[in-house]
Amino acid sequence: MSTEFTYAASGVDIDAGERAVTLMKAAVERTNRPEVVGGLGGFAGLFALDVQKYRKPLLASSTDGVGTKIALARQLDRHDTVGIDLVAMVVDDLVACGAEPLFLQDYVATGKVVPERIAAIVTGIAAGCTLAGAALVGGETAEHGDLMDADEYDLAATAVGVVEADAVLGPERVRAGDVVVAMASSGFHSNGYSLVRRVVGAAGLDLHATPAGLSRPLGEELLEPTRIYALDCLALVEEFGVETVHAFAHITGGGLAGNTARVVPDGLQAVLDRSTWALPAAVRLMEEHGVPRTESERAFNCGVGMVAAVSADRADDVVARLTARGVPAWVAGTVGERPGGQDTPAAELTGSYRA
């Protein structure tokens, strides 16, 4: 008698996948915008862009993942926050050029589909989409039983947004005399976790204990989801216009100076004063256990998750507007002529962090 082979025995459980869709359906539907056509379960997500609303619309897109922060989620068996991180990574990139996030699609690859775990992940993605004003129009869950461990998974997403051609933000608008407004991060966000995990392991830090300087267990601190700035940044552009708001820089891998430099034009330099904010306690903890300051400023956001280059005469108004929206913000630096020409960094940090 010949051996019978089944998909489930090969590591793919179709029934579990269908149950996961059922569990996540309500959360996904709550992200719908009026432009969404159809529902969950189709082969493609449909979005009816209202072309009459725009003069000359440009579509913007961004793709990213969460990275090794997922390893901590697995270690702590908490999966409802990394979806928010996933959305933040793509929508906050989109808004850097002034684009409004419209919709997002996710991809979840896992060794074994556990419906409740997949539903928790996607519920987090849906929560992030709600915070960004974007619709979750579809996605894919792939079971890779012969490639990944049963509890292993990875996430990716692509988001699409729209911006008027004459309202695109970026280095072309930044000029000498602008100021740099910093927006506080909610933690490490989703960058530097290979380094964080290495330090935690080497130092034997207990994820369930509360280190000196922190107000909650280290694991909770490290899983704090990324702040989503998209709607706050769009509110600035709507209220003050591109005459005032010239560029945004999303502070991800490469750190504060490295990402700010991406929106500084040739011949100019952004100088950011560390004394305008305090280095987060969690970053100091990493430094206490062997991470040099130069490395922490390259790998971590060091307390700033987004910056805006704005006209100096409206900087206080921009800060006040962000503060009113619940985003801690402050003037952190200025843009001026770049001394030394192109041999000088386009952005640099000066001074010492506030005690």
Protein backbone atom coordinates (compact mmCIF):
# COMPACT_ATOMS: atom_id res chain seq x y z
CA MET A 1 0.00 0.00 0.00
CA SER A 2 1.44 3.37 -1.01
CA THR A 3 1.97 6.11 1.56
CA GLU A 4 -0.61 8.92 1.53
CA PHE A 5 0.71 12.44 1.86
CA THR A 6 -1.35 15.37 3.13
CA TYR A 7 -0.69 19.08 3.19
CA ALA A 8 -1.22 19.15 6.98
CA ALA A 9 1.35 16.39 7.50
CA SER A 10 3.77 18.42 5.36
CA GLY A 11 3.42 21.37 7.73
CA VAL A 12 0.58 23.43 6.24
CA ASP A 13 -2.74 23.44 8.09
CA ILE A 14 -5.38 25.00 5.83
CA ASP A 15 -8.07 24.73 8.51
CA ALA A 16 -5.93 26.66 11.00
CA GLY A 17 -5.33 29.36 8.38
CA GLU A 18 -9.06 29.73 7.81
CA ARG A 19 -9.71 29.98 11.55
CA ALA A 20 -7.05 32.68 11.84
CA VAL A 21 -8.84 34.70 9.14
CA THR A 22 -12.11 34.35 11.05
CA LEU A 23 -10.52 35.57 14.28
CA MET A 24 -8.88 38.63 12.67
CA LYS A 25 -11.76 39.64 10.39
CA ALA A 26 -13.50 42.06 12.76
CA ALA A 27 -10.27 43.89 13.59
CA VAL A 28 -9.40 44.27 9.91
CA GLU A 29 -12.85 45.54 9.00
CA ARG A 30 -12.56 48.30 11.61
CA THR A 31 -9.73 49.84 9.57
CA ASN A 32 -11.91 50.37 6.49
CA ARG A 33 -12.00 53.77 4.87
CA PRO A 34 -14.87 54.85 2.58
CA GLU A 35 -12.66 54.20 -0.44
CA VAL A 36 -12.28 50.48 0.32
CA VAL A 37 -14.17 48.26 -2.15
CA GLY A 38 -15.11 44.74 -1.13
CA GLY A 39 -13.99 42.92 1.98
CA LEU A 40 -11.48 40.49 3.38
CA GLY A 41 -11.01 37.29 1.42
CA GLY A 42 -10.61 38.47 -2.16
CA PHE A 43 -7.55 37.86 -4.28
CA ALA A 44 -6.68 41.56 -4.29
CA GLY A 45 -7.52 44.59 -2.19
CA LEU A 46 -9.48 47.29 -4.03
CA PHE A 47 -9.28 50.98 -3.18
CA ALA A 48 -11.23 53.62 -5.11
CA LEU A 49 -8.93 56.64 -5.21
CA ASP A 50 -11.00 59.82 -5.59
CA VAL A 51 -9.00 61.48 -8.35
CA GLN A 52 -11.28 64.53 -8.28
CA LYS A 53 -9.99 65.31 -4.80
CA TYR A 54 -6.44 66.01 -6.05
CA ARG A 55 -4.92 68.40 -8.57
CA LYS A 56 -1.91 66.24 -9.49
CA PRO A 57 -1.66 63.26 -7.18
CA LEU A 58 1.51 61.23 -6.73
CA LEU A 59 1.30 57.75 -5.25
CA ALA A 60 3.95 56.93 -2.66
CA SER A 61 4.84 53.47 -1.39
CA SER A 62 6.96 52.02 1.39
CA THR A 63 7.91 48.48 2.42
CA ASP A 64 9.49 47.37 5.68
CA GLY A 65 9.39 44.84 8.50
CA VAL A 66 9.84 44.72 12.26
CA GLY A 67 13.21 42.98 12.41
CA THR A 68 14.56 41.13 15.39
CA LYS A 69 12.21 42.79 17.85
CA ILE A 70 10.04 39.80 16.95
CA ALA A 71 12.51 37.55 18.81
CA LEU A 72 11.65 39.38 22.04
CA ALA A 73 7.92 39.05 21.33
CA ARG A 74 8.44 35.31 20.97
CA GLN A 75 10.57 35.13 24.10
CA LEU A 76 7.92 36.93 26.14
CA ASP A 77 5.04 35.25 24.28
CA ARG A 78 3.37 38.58 23.59
CA HIS A 79 2.34 39.22 20.01
CA ASP A 80 -0.20 42.06 20.09
CA THR A 81 2.27 44.96 19.77
CA VAL A 82 4.65 44.06 16.95
CA GLY A 83 1.88 44.68 14.42
CA ILE A 84 1.80 48.32 15.51
CA ASP A 85 5.56 48.45 14.96
CA LEU A 86 5.09 47.06 11.47
CA VAL A 87 2.60 49.76 10.49
CA ALA A 88 4.74 52.51 12.02
CA MET A 89 7.78 51.52 10.01
CA VAL A 90 5.99 51.99 6.70
CA VAL A 91 3.51 54.83 7.32
CA ASP A 92 6.05 57.06 9.06
CA ASP A 93 8.32 56.61 6.06
CA LEU A 94 5.45 57.60 3.78
CA VAL A 95 4.63 60.77 5.67
CA ALA A 96 8.26 61.89 5.47
CA CYS A 97 7.52 63.09 1.94
CA GLY A 98 4.15 64.50 2.98
CA ALA A 99 2.07 61.56 1.77
CA GLU A 100 -1.18 60.55 3.46
CA PRO A 101 -1.25 56.78 4.08
CA LEU A 102 -4.18 55.24 2.24
CA PHE A 103 -3.93 51.49 2.63
CA LEU A 104 -1.61 48.73 3.74
CA GLN A 105 -1.09 45.03 3.04
CA ASP A 106 0.77 42.70 5.38
CA TYR A 107 2.69 39.45 4.99
CA VAL A 108 3.09 36.99 7.86
CA ALA A 109 5.37 33.99 7.45
CA THR A 110 5.31 31.42 10.24
CA GLY A 111 6.44 27.91 11.01
CA LYS A 112 3.01 26.91 12.28
CA VAL A 113 -0.27 28.78 12.05
CA VAL A 114 -1.61 29.13 15.58
CA PRO A 115 -4.87 31.00 14.91
CA GLU A 116 -4.87 32.91 18.18
CA ARG A 117 -1.28 34.09 17.71
CA ILE A 118 -1.86 35.15 14.11
CA ALA A 119 -5.03 36.96 15.18
CA ALA A 120 -3.09 38.81 17.90
CA ILE A 121 -0.45 39.89 15.39
CA VAL A 122 -2.98 41.08 12.82
CA THR A 123 -5.10 42.79 15.48
CA GLY A 124 -1.98 44.81 16.30
CA ILE A 125 -1.54 45.62 12.62
CA ALA A 126 -5.15 46.75 12.48
CA ALA A 127 -4.66 48.93 15.56
CA GLY A 128 -1.65 50.55 13.89
CA CYS A 129 -3.62 51.17 10.73
CA THR A 130 -6.33 52.89 12.77
CA LEU A 131 -3.71 55.14 14.39
CA ALA A 132 -2.39 56.01 10.91
CA GLY A 133 -5.76 56.48 9.24
CA ALA A 134 -4.93 53.73 6.74
CA ALA A 135 -7.09 50.82 5.63
CA LEU A 136 -5.83 47.25 5.94
CA VAL A 137 -7.07 45.95 2.61
CA GLY A 138 -5.55 42.48 2.69
CA GLY A 139 -2.47 40.42 3.25
CA GLU A 140 -1.06 36.92 3.32
CA THR A 141 -0.29 34.36 6.00
CA ALA A 142 2.15 31.71 4.83
CA GLU A 143 2.92 28.53 6.79
CA HIS A 144 6.52 27.37 6.27
CA GLY A 145 6.71 24.35 8.49
CA ASP A 146 9.80 22.89 6.84
CA LEU A 147 11.72 26.19 6.92
CA MET A 148 10.81 27.77 10.28
CA ASP A 149 10.32 26.54 13.83
CA ALA A 150 6.73 26.20 14.98
CA ASP A 151 6.77 29.38 17.08
CA GLU A 152 8.87 31.37 14.60
CA TYR A 153 7.41 34.12 12.41
CA ASP A 154 8.39 37.19 10.45
CA LEU A 155 6.42 40.23 9.31
CA ALA A 156 6.52 42.60 6.36
CA ALA A 157 4.15 45.18 4.96
CA THR A 158 3.72 47.57 2.08
CA ALA A 159 1.75 50.78 2.41
CA VAL A 160 0.56 53.16 -0.31
CA GLY A 161 -0.11 56.86 0.17
CA VAL A 162 -0.84 59.96 -1.88
CA VAL A 163 0.58 63.47 -1.98
CA GLU A 164 0.06 66.42 -4.28
CA ALA A 165 2.97 66.87 -6.68
CA ASP A 166 3.46 70.48 -5.57
CA ALA A 167 3.35 69.54 -1.86
CA VAL A 168 6.09 66.92 -1.72
CA LEU A 169 8.34 67.52 1.27
CA GLY A 170 12.08 66.98 1.32
CA PRO A 171 15.54 68.55 1.18
CA GLU A 172 14.57 70.73 -1.79
CA ARG A 173 12.45 72.84 0.59
CA VAL A 174 14.92 73.06 3.48
CA ARG A 175 16.90 76.30 3.72
CA ALA A 176 19.38 78.03 5.99
CA GLY A 177 17.62 79.54 9.00
CA ASP A 178 15.17 76.66 9.42
CA VAL A 179 14.92 75.04 12.83
CA VAL A 180 14.70 71.34 13.62
CA VAL A 181 11.75 70.29 15.75
CA ALA A 182 12.21 66.95 17.50
CA MET A 183 9.34 64.60 18.33
CA ALA A 184 9.88 62.19 21.21
CA SER A 185 10.08 58.46 20.58
CA SER A 186 8.15 55.92 22.63
CA GLY A 187 11.21 53.76 23.14
CA PHE A 188 13.65 51.95 20.87
CA HIS A 189 10.88 51.69 18.25
CA SER A 190 11.92 48.87 15.87
CA ASN A 191 15.61 49.47 15.36
CA GLY A 192 18.75 48.29 17.07
CA TYR A 193 17.25 45.12 18.52
CA SER A 194 20.07 42.85 17.39
CA LEU A 195 22.32 44.99 19.58
CA VAL A 196 19.77 45.25 22.41
CA ARG A 197 19.28 41.48 22.51
CA ARG A 198 23.03 40.91 22.46
CA VAL A 199 23.47 43.21 25.47
CA VAL A 200 20.55 41.63 27.35
CA GLY A 201 21.98 38.16 26.82
CA ALA A 202 25.60 39.01 27.57
CA ALA A 203 24.72 40.98 30.72
CA GLY A 204 22.20 38.37 31.89
CA LEU A 205 19.48 41.00 32.25
CA ASP A 206 16.12 39.69 33.43
CA LEU A 207 13.32 40.77 31.10
CA HIS A 208 10.82 40.37 33.95
CA ALA A 209 12.75 42.58 36.39
CA THR A 210 12.68 46.38 36.58
CA PRO A 211 16.22 47.82 36.31
CA ALA A 212 17.19 50.99 38.15
CA GLY A 213 15.96 54.02 36.24
CA LEU A 214 13.04 52.24 34.59
CA SER A 215 9.47 52.27 35.86
CA ARG A 216 8.43 48.89 34.50
CA PRO A 217 9.94 45.48 33.67
CA LEU A 218 12.62 45.53 31.00
CA GLY A 219 10.62 43.26 28.69
CA GLU A 220 7.68 45.68 28.70
CA GLU A 221 10.03 48.57 28.01
CA LEU A 222 11.58 46.79 25.05
CA LEU A 223 8.22 45.74 23.56
CA GLU A 224 6.74 49.24 23.77
CA PRO A 225 5.31 49.78 20.27
CA THR A 226 6.65 52.41 17.91
CA ARG A 227 4.94 55.78 18.05
CA ILE A 228 2.99 56.45 14.85
CA TYR A 229 3.49 60.07 13.78
CA ALA A 230 1.69 60.02 10.42
CA LEU A 231 -1.51 61.86 11.34
CA ASP A 232 0.36 64.32 13.57
CA CYS A 233 2.73 65.23 10.75
CA LEU A 234 -0.13 65.57 8.28
CA ALA A 235 -1.92 67.85 10.75
CA LEU A 236 1.12 70.15 10.74
CA VAL A 237 1.14 70.34 6.95
CA GLU A 238 -2.60 71.00 6.85
CA GLU A 239 -2.43 73.79 9.44
CA PHE A 240 0.84 75.50 8.52
CA GLY A 241 1.39 74.52 4.87
CA VAL A 242 4.53 73.61 3.00
CA GLU A 243 5.67 77.23 3.29
CA THR A 244 6.36 76.46 6.95
CA VAL A 245 6.81 72.68 7.13
CA HIS A 246 9.66 71.79 4.79
CA ALA A 247 10.71 68.21 5.57
CA PHE A 248 10.28 65.29 7.94
CA ALA A 249 12.91 62.67 8.78
CA HIS A 250 11.86 59.35 10.29
CA ILE A 251 14.56 58.33 12.78
CA THR A 252 15.20 54.63 12.21
CA GLY A 253 18.36 52.60 11.60
CA GLY A 254 21.35 54.94 11.35
CA GLY A 255 20.24 57.09 14.25
CA LEU A 256 19.28 60.72 14.65
CA ALA A 257 22.13 62.38 12.79
CA GLY A 258 22.19 59.81 10.00
CA ASN A 259 18.50 60.12 9.19
CA THR A 260 18.29 63.89 9.65
CA ALA A 261 21.11 64.20 7.12
CA ARG A 262 18.82 62.67 4.48
CA VAL A 263 16.69 65.82 4.37
CA VAL A 264 19.52 68.37 4.46
CA PRO A 265 20.48 69.79 1.03
CA ASP A 266 24.01 70.18 -0.25
CA GLY A 267 25.80 73.14 1.31
CA LEU A 268 23.74 73.13 4.52
CA GLN A 269 24.07 71.41 7.87
CA ALA A 270 21.64 70.56 10.68
CA VAL A 271 23.12 70.97 14.14
CA LEU A 272 21.18 69.24 16.92
CA ASP A 273 21.81 70.17 20.55
CA ARG A 274 21.74 67.17 22.90
CA SER A 275 21.14 69.47 25.88
CA THR A 276 17.55 70.03 24.70
CA TRP A 277 16.48 66.55 25.84
CA ALA A 278 17.45 63.74 28.20
CA LEU A 279 18.83 60.43 26.96
CA PRO A 280 16.21 57.73 27.75
CA ALA A 281 16.97 55.50 30.72
CA ALA A 282 16.77 52.37 28.56
CA VAL A 283 19.51 53.70 26.29
CA ARG A 284 21.63 54.54 29.32
CA LEU A 285 21.12 50.97 30.50
CA MET A 286 22.54 49.68 27.21
CA GLU A 287 25.51 52.01 27.60
CA GLU A 288 26.09 50.87 31.18
CA HIS A 289 26.46 47.34 29.85
CA GLY A 290 28.98 48.07 27.14
CA VAL A 291 27.48 50.02 24.25
CA PRO A 292 29.67 53.07 23.46
CA ARG A 293 27.91 56.40 23.10
CA THR A 294 28.99 56.68 19.46
CA GLU A 295 27.39 53.31 18.76
CA SER A 296 24.15 54.00 20.63
CA GLU A 297 23.72 57.20 18.62
CA ARG A 298 24.08 55.21 15.40
CA ALA A 299 21.94 52.19 16.35
CA PHE A 300 19.20 53.78 18.50
CA ASN A 301 16.94 56.81 18.10
CA CYS A 302 18.09 58.07 21.53
CA GLY A 303 14.69 59.52 22.36
CA VAL A 304 13.76 61.18 19.05
CA GLY A 305 11.57 59.28 16.60
CA MET A 306 10.82 61.98 14.02
CA VAL A 307 12.14 65.44 13.23
CA ALA A 308 10.69 68.29 11.17
CA ALA A 309 12.57 71.08 9.45
CA VAL A 310 10.35 74.16 9.73
CA SER A 311 10.52 77.91 9.30
CA ALA A 312 11.97 79.54 12.39
CA ASP A 313 9.14 82.07 12.70
CA ARG A 314 6.53 79.33 13.25
CA ALA A 315 8.60 76.83 15.22
CA ASP A 316 6.93 77.59 18.55
CA ASP A 317 3.50 77.19 16.94
CA VAL A 318 4.54 73.82 15.47
CA VAL A 319 5.77 72.63 18.87
CA ALA A 320 2.54 73.80 20.52
CA ARG A 321 0.43 71.99 17.93
CA LEU A 322 2.30 68.73 18.40
CA THR A 323 2.10 69.05 22.18
CA ALA A 324 -1.64 69.60 21.96
CA ARG A 325 -1.90 66.38 19.95
CA GLY A 326 -0.08 64.45 22.66
CA VAL A 327 3.32 64.30 20.96
CA PRO A 328 6.14 65.66 23.16
CA ALA A 329 8.11 68.04 20.94
CA TRP A 330 10.77 70.72 21.21
CA VAL A 331 13.18 72.81 19.15
CA ALA A 332 16.32 70.69 19.03
CA GLY A 333 18.52 72.47 16.52
CA THR A 334 19.02 74.70 13.51
CA VAL A 335 19.93 74.49 9.85
CA GLY A 336 22.76 76.69 8.59
CA GLU A 337 25.61 76.86 6.14
CA ARG A 338 27.79 73.76 6.17
CA PRO A 339 31.32 74.60 7.33
CA GLY A 340 34.03 72.75 5.47
CA GLY A 341 31.87 71.92 2.47
CA GLN A 342 30.94 68.34 1.59
CA ASP A 343 33.65 66.93 3.85
CA THR A 344 31.52 67.98 6.85
CA PRO A 345 28.55 65.81 7.92
CA ALA A 346 25.14 67.09 6.81
CA ALA A 347 23.89 66.64 10.39
CA GLU A 348 25.70 66.43 13.69
CA LEU A 349 24.97 66.33 17.40
CA THR A 350 26.60 68.80 19.79
CA GLY A 351 26.60 69.36 23.55
CA SER A 352 25.71 66.90 26.30
CA TYR A 353 22.38 65.27 27.11
CA ARG A 354 20.33 66.85 29.84
CA ALA A 355 20.85 65.15 33.19
